[in-house]
PDB file of N, CA and C in Angstrom:
ATOM      1  N   MET A   1     -59.167 -73.279 -22.702  1.00  0.00           N
ATOM      2  CA  MET A   1     -60.334 -72.474 -22.370  1.00  0.00           C
ATOM      3  C   MET A   1     -61.493 -73.401 -21.995  1.00  0.00           C
ATOM      4  N   SER A   2     -62.075 -73.192 -20.834  1.00  0.00           N
ATOM      5  CA  SER A   2     -63.185 -74.038 -20.400  1.00  0.00           C
ATOM      6  C   SER A   2     -64.507 -73.496 -20.943  1.00  0.00           C
ATOM      7  N   LEU A   3     -65.426 -74.405 -21.138  1.00  0.00           N
ATOM      8  CA  LEU A   3     -66.747 -74.016 -21.610  1.00  0.00           C
ATOM      9  C   LEU A   3     -67.549 -73.431 -20.459  1.00  0.00           C
ATOM     10  N   PRO A   4     -68.431 -72.470 -20.749  1.00  0.00           N
ATOM     11  CA  PRO A   4     -69.216 -71.852 -19.675  1.00  0.00           C
ATOM     12  C   PRO A   4     -70.244 -72.823 -19.102  1.00  0.00           C
ATOM     13  N   SER A   5     -70.612 -72.592 -17.867  1.00  0.00           N
ATOM     14  CA  SER A   5     -71.706 -73.340 -17.257  1.00  0.00           C
ATOM     15  C   SER A   5     -72.806 -72.339 -16.927  1.00  0.00           C
ATOM     16  N   TYR A   6     -74.015 -72.861 -16.753  1.00  0.00           N
ATOM     17  CA  TYR A   6     -75.171 -72.002 -16.570  1.00  0.00           C
ATOM     18  C   TYR A   6     -75.993 -72.449 -15.374  1.00  0.00           C
ATOM     19  N   ARG A   7     -76.695 -71.503 -14.761  1.00  0.00           N
ATOM     20  CA  ARG A   7     -77.671 -71.788 -13.721  1.00  0.00           C
ATOM     21  C   ARG A   7     -79.014 -71.318 -14.250  1.00  0.00           C
ATOM     22  N   ALA A   8     -80.044 -72.151 -14.088  1.00  0.00           N
ATOM     23  CA  ALA A   8     -81.371 -71.817 -14.603  1.00  0.00           C
ATOM     24  C   ALA A   8     -82.404 -71.873 -13.494  1.00  0.00           C
ATOM     25  N   ALA A   9     -83.403 -71.023 -13.614  1.00  0.00           N
ATOM     26  CA  ALA A   9     -84.569 -71.031 -12.729  1.00  0.00           C
ATOM     27  C   ALA A   9     -85.800 -70.880 -13.611  1.00  0.00           C
ATOM     28  N   ILE A  10     -86.894 -71.495 -13.193  1.00  0.00           N
ATOM     29  CA  ILE A  10     -88.105 -71.499 -14.007  1.00  0.00           C
ATOM     30  C   ILE A  10     -89.242 -70.820 -13.261  1.00  0.00           C
ATOM     31  N   ILE A  11     -89.932 -69.931 -13.970  1.00  0.00           N
ATOM     32  CA  ILE A  11     -91.153 -69.325 -13.455  1.00  0.00           C
ATOM     33  C   ILE A  11     -92.302 -70.049 -14.141  1.00  0.00           C
ATOM     34  N   GLY A  12     -93.116 -70.706 -13.353  1.00  0.00           N
ATOM     35  CA  GLY A  12     -94.225 -71.497 -13.894  1.00  0.00           C
ATOM     36  C   GLY A  12     -93.870 -72.967 -13.845  1.00  0.00           C
ATOM     37  N   CYS A  13     -94.311 -73.676 -12.840  1.00  0.00           N
ATOM     38  CA  CYS A  13     -93.915 -75.066 -12.602  1.00  0.00           C
ATOM     39  C   CYS A  13     -94.990 -76.060 -13.025  1.00  0.00           C
ATOM     40  N   GLY A  14     -95.836 -75.656 -13.939  1.00  0.00           N
ATOM     41  CA  GLY A  14     -96.913 -76.521 -14.394  1.00  0.00           C
ATOM     42  C   GLY A  14     -96.518 -77.361 -15.598  1.00  0.00           C
ATOM     43  N   ARG A  15     -97.436 -77.484 -16.526  1.00  0.00           N
ATOM     44  CA  ARG A  15     -97.303 -78.394 -17.655  1.00  0.00           C
ATOM     45  C   ARG A  15     -96.050 -78.138 -18.497  1.00  0.00           C
ATOM     46  N   LYS A  16     -95.905 -76.965 -19.078  1.00  0.00           N
ATOM     47  CA  LYS A  16     -94.759 -76.694 -19.956  1.00  0.00           C
ATOM     48  C   LYS A  16     -93.468 -76.546 -19.160  1.00  0.00           C
ATOM     49  N   GLY A  17     -93.562 -76.022 -17.982  1.00  0.00           N
ATOM     50  CA  GLY A  17     -92.375 -75.852 -17.152  1.00  0.00           C
ATOM     51  C   GLY A  17     -91.835 -77.155 -16.596  1.00  0.00           C
ATOM     52  N   SER A  18     -92.734 -78.152 -16.368  1.00  0.00           N
ATOM     53  CA  SER A  18     -92.293 -79.327 -15.628  1.00  0.00           C
ATOM     54  C   SER A  18     -92.869 -80.672 -16.055  1.00  0.00           C
ATOM     55  N   THR A  19     -94.159 -80.765 -16.354  1.00  0.00           N
ATOM     56  CA  THR A  19     -94.797 -82.083 -16.400  1.00  0.00           C
ATOM     57  C   THR A  19     -95.167 -82.622 -17.775  1.00  0.00           C
ATOM     58  N   ILE A  20     -95.016 -81.870 -18.832  1.00  0.00           N
ATOM     59  CA  ILE A  20     -95.489 -82.307 -20.150  1.00  0.00           C
ATOM     60  C   ILE A  20     -94.832 -83.612 -20.612  1.00  0.00           C
ATOM     61  N   ASP A  21     -93.620 -83.869 -20.174  1.00  0.00           N
ATOM     62  CA  ASP A  21     -92.920 -85.095 -20.575  1.00  0.00           C
ATOM     63  C   ASP A  21     -93.595 -86.354 -20.035  1.00  0.00           C
ATOM     64  N   SER A  22     -94.423 -86.225 -19.019  1.00  0.00           N
ATOM     65  CA  SER A  22     -95.083 -87.378 -18.409  1.00  0.00           C
ATOM     66  C   SER A  22     -96.409 -87.737 -19.072  1.00  0.00           C
ATOM     67  N   GLU A  23     -96.863 -86.940 -20.009  1.00  0.00           N
ATOM     68  CA  GLU A  23     -98.140 -87.220 -20.659  1.00  0.00           C
ATOM     69  C   GLU A  23     -98.010 -88.430 -21.578  1.00  0.00           C
ATOM     70  N   ASP A  24     -99.044 -89.259 -21.591  1.00  0.00           N
ATOM     71  CA  ASP A  24     -99.023 -90.501 -22.362  1.00  0.00           C
ATOM     72  C   ASP A  24     -99.593 -90.362 -23.767  1.00  0.00           C
ATOM     73  N   ARG A  25     -99.917 -89.179 -24.182  1.00  0.00           N
ATOM     74  CA  ARG A  25    -100.479 -89.020 -25.522  1.00  0.00           C
ATOM     75  C   ARG A  25     -99.501 -88.284 -26.413  1.00  0.00           C
ATOM     76  N   TRP A  26     -99.652 -88.500 -27.688  1.00  0.00           N
ATOM     77  CA  TRP A  26     -98.785 -87.828 -28.655  1.00  0.00           C
ATOM     78  C   TRP A  26     -99.175 -86.361 -28.720  1.00  0.00           C
ATOM     79  N   LEU A  27     -98.223 -85.497 -28.684  1.00  0.00           N
ATOM     80  CA  LEU A  27     -98.478 -84.066 -28.694  1.00  0.00           C
ATOM     81  C   LEU A  27     -97.874 -83.435 -29.941  1.00  0.00           C
ATOM     82  N   VAL A  28     -98.634 -82.632 -30.629  1.00  0.00           N
ATOM     83  CA  VAL A  28     -98.120 -81.922 -31.795  1.00  0.00           C
ATOM     84  C   VAL A  28     -96.974 -81.024 -31.345  1.00  0.00           C
ATOM     85  N   ASN A  29     -95.864 -81.120 -32.035  1.00  0.00           N
ATOM     86  CA  ASN A  29     -94.645 -80.348 -31.758  1.00  0.00           C
ATOM     87  C   ASN A  29     -93.935 -80.751 -30.469  1.00  0.00           C
ATOM     88  N   TYR A  30     -94.429 -81.767 -29.779  1.00  0.00           N
ATOM     89  CA  TYR A  30     -93.796 -82.213 -28.548  1.00  0.00           C
ATOM     90  C   TYR A  30     -93.570 -83.721 -28.569  1.00  0.00           C
ATOM     91  N   ASP A  31     -93.231 -84.262 -29.720  1.00  0.00           N
ATOM     92  CA  ASP A  31     -93.113 -85.711 -29.826  1.00  0.00           C
ATOM     93  C   ASP A  31     -91.718 -86.227 -29.482  1.00  0.00           C
ATOM     94  N   LEU A  32     -90.746 -85.359 -29.319  1.00  0.00           N
ATOM     95  CA  LEU A  32     -89.400 -85.771 -28.940  1.00  0.00           C
ATOM     96  C   LEU A  32     -89.009 -85.129 -27.614  1.00  0.00           C
ATOM     97  N   ALA A  33     -88.588 -85.946 -26.675  1.00  0.00           N
ATOM     98  CA  ALA A  33     -88.161 -85.415 -25.367  1.00  0.00           C
ATOM     99  C   ALA A  33     -86.763 -84.819 -25.495  1.00  0.00           C
ATOM    100  N   PRO A  34     -86.378 -83.876 -24.691  1.00  0.00           N
ATOM    101  CA  PRO A  34     -87.155 -83.293 -23.601  1.00  0.00           C
ATOM    102  C   PRO A  34     -88.112 -82.220 -24.111  1.00  0.00           C
ATOM    103  N   CYS A  35     -89.276 -82.152 -23.500  1.00  0.00           N
ATOM    104  CA  CYS A  35     -90.303 -81.183 -23.898  1.00  0.00           C
ATOM    105  C   CYS A  35     -90.500 -80.075 -22.882  1.00  0.00           C
ATOM    106  N   SER A  36     -90.389 -80.376 -21.604  1.00  0.00           N
ATOM    107  CA  SER A  36     -90.587 -79.328 -20.595  1.00  0.00           C
ATOM    108  C   SER A  36     -89.296 -78.520 -20.454  1.00  0.00           C
ATOM    109  N   HIS A  37     -89.447 -77.321 -19.954  1.00  0.00           N
ATOM    110  CA  HIS A  37     -88.266 -76.479 -19.726  1.00  0.00           C
ATOM    111  C   HIS A  37     -87.321 -77.153 -18.729  1.00  0.00           C
ATOM    112  N   ALA A  38     -87.882 -77.702 -17.649  1.00  0.00           N
ATOM    113  CA  ALA A  38     -87.047 -78.329 -16.630  1.00  0.00           C
ATOM    114  C   ALA A  38     -86.284 -79.525 -17.185  1.00  0.00           C
ATOM    115  N   SER A  39     -86.945 -80.367 -17.964  1.00  0.00           N
ATOM    116  CA  SER A  39     -86.255 -81.546 -18.499  1.00  0.00           C
ATOM    117  C   SER A  39     -85.175 -81.147 -19.502  1.00  0.00           C
ATOM    118  N   ALA A  40     -85.402 -80.085 -20.234  1.00  0.00           N
ATOM    119  CA  ALA A  40     -84.382 -79.616 -21.183  1.00  0.00           C
ATOM    120  C   ALA A  40     -83.159 -79.084 -20.441  1.00  0.00           C
ATOM    121  N   TYR A  41     -83.387 -78.302 -19.394  1.00  0.00           N
ATOM    122  CA  TYR A  41     -82.248 -77.809 -18.612  1.00  0.00           C
ATOM    123  C   TYR A  41     -81.489 -78.956 -17.964  1.00  0.00           C
ATOM    124  N   CYS A  42     -82.219 -79.920 -17.427  1.00  0.00           N
ATOM    125  CA  CYS A  42     -81.566 -81.058 -16.762  1.00  0.00           C
ATOM    126  C   CYS A  42     -80.812 -81.952 -17.745  1.00  0.00           C
ATOM    127  N   ALA A  43     -81.237 -81.965 -18.994  1.00  0.00           N
ATOM    128  CA  ALA A  43     -80.565 -82.774 -20.004  1.00  0.00           C
ATOM    129  C   ALA A  43     -79.260 -82.133 -20.480  1.00  0.00           C
ATOM    130  N   HIS A  44     -79.095 -80.839 -20.250  1.00  0.00           N
ATOM    131  CA  HIS A  44     -77.883 -80.143 -20.704  1.00  0.00           C
ATOM    132  C   HIS A  44     -76.776 -80.345 -19.671  1.00  0.00           C
ATOM    133  N   PRO A  45     -75.646 -80.876 -20.076  1.00  0.00           N
ATOM    134  CA  PRO A  45     -74.595 -81.223 -19.107  1.00  0.00           C
ATOM    135  C   PRO A  45     -73.953 -80.035 -18.385  1.00  0.00           C
ATOM    136  N   ARG A  46     -74.077 -78.839 -18.926  1.00  0.00           N
ATOM    137  CA  ARG A  46     -73.440 -77.694 -18.271  1.00  0.00           C
ATOM    138  C   ARG A  46     -74.449 -76.727 -17.665  1.00  0.00           C
ATOM    139  N   THR A  47     -75.676 -77.206 -17.454  1.00  0.00           N
ATOM    140  CA  THR A  47     -76.710 -76.356 -16.873  1.00  0.00           C
ATOM    141  C   THR A  47     -77.239 -76.983 -15.592  1.00  0.00           C
ATOM    142  N   ASP A  48     -77.309 -76.181 -14.537  1.00  0.00           N
ATOM    143  CA  ASP A  48     -77.876 -76.615 -13.260  1.00  0.00           C
ATOM    144  C   ASP A  48     -79.207 -75.918 -13.051  1.00  0.00           C
ATOM    145  N   LEU A  49     -80.250 -76.696 -12.835  1.00  0.00           N
ATOM    146  CA  LEU A  49     -81.555 -76.144 -12.499  1.00  0.00           C
ATOM    147  C   LEU A  49     -81.550 -75.883 -10.996  1.00  0.00           C
ATOM    148  N   ILE A  50     -81.629 -74.619 -10.610  1.00  0.00           N
ATOM    149  CA  ILE A  50     -81.428 -74.280  -9.203  1.00  0.00           C
ATOM    150  C   ILE A  50     -82.682 -73.816  -8.473  1.00  0.00           C
ATOM    151  N   ALA A  51     -83.754 -73.459  -9.200  1.00  0.00           N
ATOM    152  CA  ALA A  51     -84.948 -72.961  -8.519  1.00  0.00           C
ATOM    153  C   ALA A  51     -86.152 -72.969  -9.446  1.00  0.00           C
ATOM    154  N   GLY A  52     -87.316 -72.864  -8.823  1.00  0.00           N
ATOM    155  CA  GLY A  52     -88.558 -72.746  -9.565  1.00  0.00           C
ATOM    156  C   GLY A  52     -89.527 -71.883  -8.782  1.00  0.00           C
ATOM    157  N   ALA A  53     -90.440 -71.236  -9.503  1.00  0.00           N
ATOM    158  CA  ALA A  53     -91.455 -70.406  -8.862  1.00  0.00           C
ATOM    159  C   ALA A  53     -92.823 -70.742  -9.427  1.00  0.00           C
ATOM    160  N   SER A  54     -93.792 -70.878  -8.536  1.00  0.00           N
ATOM    161  CA  SER A  54     -95.164 -71.154  -8.917  1.00  0.00           C
ATOM    162  C   SER A  54     -96.087 -70.440  -7.946  1.00  0.00           C
ATOM    163  N   GLY A  55     -97.222 -69.992  -8.424  1.00  0.00           N
ATOM    164  CA  GLY A  55     -98.193 -69.350  -7.550  1.00  0.00           C
ATOM    165  C   GLY A  55     -98.849 -70.329  -6.592  1.00  0.00           C
ATOM    166  N   SER A  56     -98.715 -71.612  -6.881  1.00  0.00           N
ATOM    167  CA  SER A  56     -99.305 -72.656  -6.051  1.00  0.00           C
ATOM    168  C   SER A  56     -98.229 -73.323  -5.203  1.00  0.00           C
ATOM    169  N   GLU A  57     -98.466 -73.412  -3.916  1.00  0.00           N
ATOM    170  CA  GLU A  57     -97.499 -74.064  -3.021  1.00  0.00           C
ATOM    171  C   GLU A  57     -97.324 -75.539  -3.368  1.00  0.00           C
ATOM    172  N   LYS A  58     -98.423 -76.222  -3.715  1.00  0.00           N
ATOM    173  CA  LYS A  58     -98.355 -77.635  -4.081  1.00  0.00           C
ATOM    174  C   LYS A  58     -97.551 -77.829  -5.365  1.00  0.00           C
ATOM    175  N   SER A  59     -97.810 -77.000  -6.356  1.00  0.00           N
ATOM    176  CA  SER A  59     -97.073 -77.095  -7.610  1.00  0.00           C
ATOM    177  C   SER A  59     -95.579 -76.829  -7.394  1.00  0.00           C
ATOM    178  N   ALA A  60     -95.256 -75.854  -6.578  1.00  0.00           N
ATOM    179  CA  ALA A  60     -93.858 -75.545  -6.273  1.00  0.00           C
ATOM    180  C   ALA A  60     -93.187 -76.719  -5.562  1.00  0.00           C
ATOM    181  N   ASP A  61     -93.887 -77.326  -4.601  1.00  0.00           N
ATOM    182  CA  ASP A  61     -93.321 -78.461  -3.884  1.00  0.00           C
ATOM    183  C   ASP A  61     -93.170 -79.683  -4.789  1.00  0.00           C
ATOM    184  N   ASP A  62     -94.167 -79.935  -5.644  1.00  0.00           N
ATOM    185  CA  ASP A  62     -94.060 -81.040  -6.612  1.00  0.00           C
ATOM    186  C   ASP A  62     -92.852 -80.832  -7.520  1.00  0.00           C
ATOM    187  N   PHE A  63     -92.649 -79.602  -7.963  1.00  0.00           N
ATOM    188  CA  PHE A  63     -91.515 -79.261  -8.825  1.00  0.00           C
ATOM    189  C   PHE A  63     -90.192 -79.525  -8.108  1.00  0.00           C
ATOM    190  N   ARG A  64     -90.120 -79.096  -6.855  1.00  0.00           N
ATOM    191  CA  ARG A  64     -88.891 -79.296  -6.070  1.00  0.00           C
ATOM    192  C   ARG A  64     -88.556 -80.780  -5.957  1.00  0.00           C
ATOM    193  N   GLN A  65     -89.567 -81.574  -5.656  1.00  0.00           N
ATOM    194  CA  GLN A  65     -89.331 -83.011  -5.499  1.00  0.00           C
ATOM    195  C   GLN A  65     -88.987 -83.680  -6.828  1.00  0.00           C
ATOM    196  N   ARG A  66     -89.702 -83.319  -7.871  1.00  0.00           N
ATOM    197  CA  ARG A  66     -89.492 -83.955  -9.180  1.00  0.00           C
ATOM    198  C   ARG A  66     -88.106 -83.666  -9.737  1.00  0.00           C
ATOM    199  N   TRP A  67     -87.657 -82.421  -9.627  1.00  0.00           N
ATOM    200  CA  TRP A  67     -86.400 -82.011 -10.261  1.00  0.00           C
ATOM    201  C   TRP A  67     -85.255 -81.840  -9.278  1.00  0.00           C
ATOM    202  N   GLN A  68     -85.484 -82.119  -8.005  1.00  0.00           N
ATOM    203  CA  GLN A  68     -84.437 -82.045  -6.984  1.00  0.00           C
ATOM    204  C   GLN A  68     -83.776 -80.673  -6.921  1.00  0.00           C
ATOM    205  N   VAL A  69     -84.579 -79.620  -7.060  1.00  0.00           N
ATOM    206  CA  VAL A  69     -84.022 -78.267  -6.989  1.00  0.00           C
ATOM    207  C   VAL A  69     -83.916 -77.835  -5.529  1.00  0.00           C
ATOM    208  N   PRO A  70     -82.900 -77.064  -5.201  1.00  0.00           N
ATOM    209  CA  PRO A  70     -82.707 -76.672  -3.799  1.00  0.00           C
ATOM    210  C   PRO A  70     -83.718 -75.646  -3.292  1.00  0.00           C
ATOM    211  N   ARG A  71     -84.293 -74.833  -4.183  1.00  0.00           N
ATOM    212  CA  ARG A  71     -85.199 -73.767  -3.727  1.00  0.00           C
ATOM    213  C   ARG A  71     -86.414 -73.664  -4.642  1.00  0.00           C
ATOM    214  N   VAL A  72     -87.580 -73.462  -4.025  1.00  0.00           N
ATOM    215  CA  VAL A  72     -88.788 -73.114  -4.769  1.00  0.00           C
ATOM    216  C   VAL A  72     -89.455 -71.933  -4.075  1.00  0.00           C
ATOM    217  N   TYR A  73     -90.240 -71.214  -4.829  1.00  0.00           N
ATOM    218  CA  TYR A  73     -90.871 -70.008  -4.332  1.00  0.00           C
ATOM    219  C   TYR A  73     -92.320 -69.967  -4.788  1.00  0.00           C
ATOM    220  N   THR A  74     -93.165 -69.278  -4.040  1.00  0.00           N
ATOM    221  CA  THR A  74     -94.528 -69.045  -4.485  1.00  0.00           C
ATOM    222  C   THR A  74     -94.701 -67.628  -4.999  1.00  0.00           C
ATOM    223  N   ASN A  75     -93.623 -66.865  -5.014  1.00  0.00           N
ATOM    224  CA  ASN A  75     -93.613 -65.513  -5.541  1.00  0.00           C
ATOM    225  C   ASN A  75     -92.357 -65.365  -6.405  1.00  0.00           C
ATOM    226  N   TYR A  76     -92.566 -65.201  -7.706  1.00  0.00           N
ATOM    227  CA  TYR A  76     -91.412 -65.124  -8.604  1.00  0.00           C
ATOM    228  C   TYR A  76     -90.524 -63.923  -8.325  1.00  0.00           C
ATOM    229  N   MET A  77     -91.081 -62.859  -7.740  1.00  0.00           N
ATOM    230  CA  MET A  77     -90.274 -61.681  -7.428  1.00  0.00           C
ATOM    231  C   MET A  77     -89.271 -61.985  -6.308  1.00  0.00           C
ATOM    232  N   GLU A  78     -89.632 -62.889  -5.406  1.00  0.00           N
ATOM    233  CA  GLU A  78     -88.694 -63.290  -4.353  1.00  0.00           C
ATOM    234  C   GLU A  78     -87.548 -64.117  -4.918  1.00  0.00           C
ATOM    235  N   MET A  79     -87.858 -64.883  -5.955  1.00  0.00           N
ATOM    236  CA  MET A  79     -86.822 -65.715  -6.554  1.00  0.00           C
ATOM    237  C   MET A  79     -85.775 -64.816  -7.190  1.00  0.00           C
TER     238      MET A  79
END
């Protein structure tokens, strides 16, 4: 029996969704990586991060480049 695999998409490509792991200060409850949703999904061997949605075009594009996701959206309903 094979183990299941998962596909994940994130709504909100800002701090908690994507960038908190890059902060240089100690964070209460966030002292062990992975801390962002994206980094946690990417750290799981059977999970593929396939998309992200952000209201900001720049944030969505930064997310796409940082996590190498194939699709980003500026409207979560389209995702």
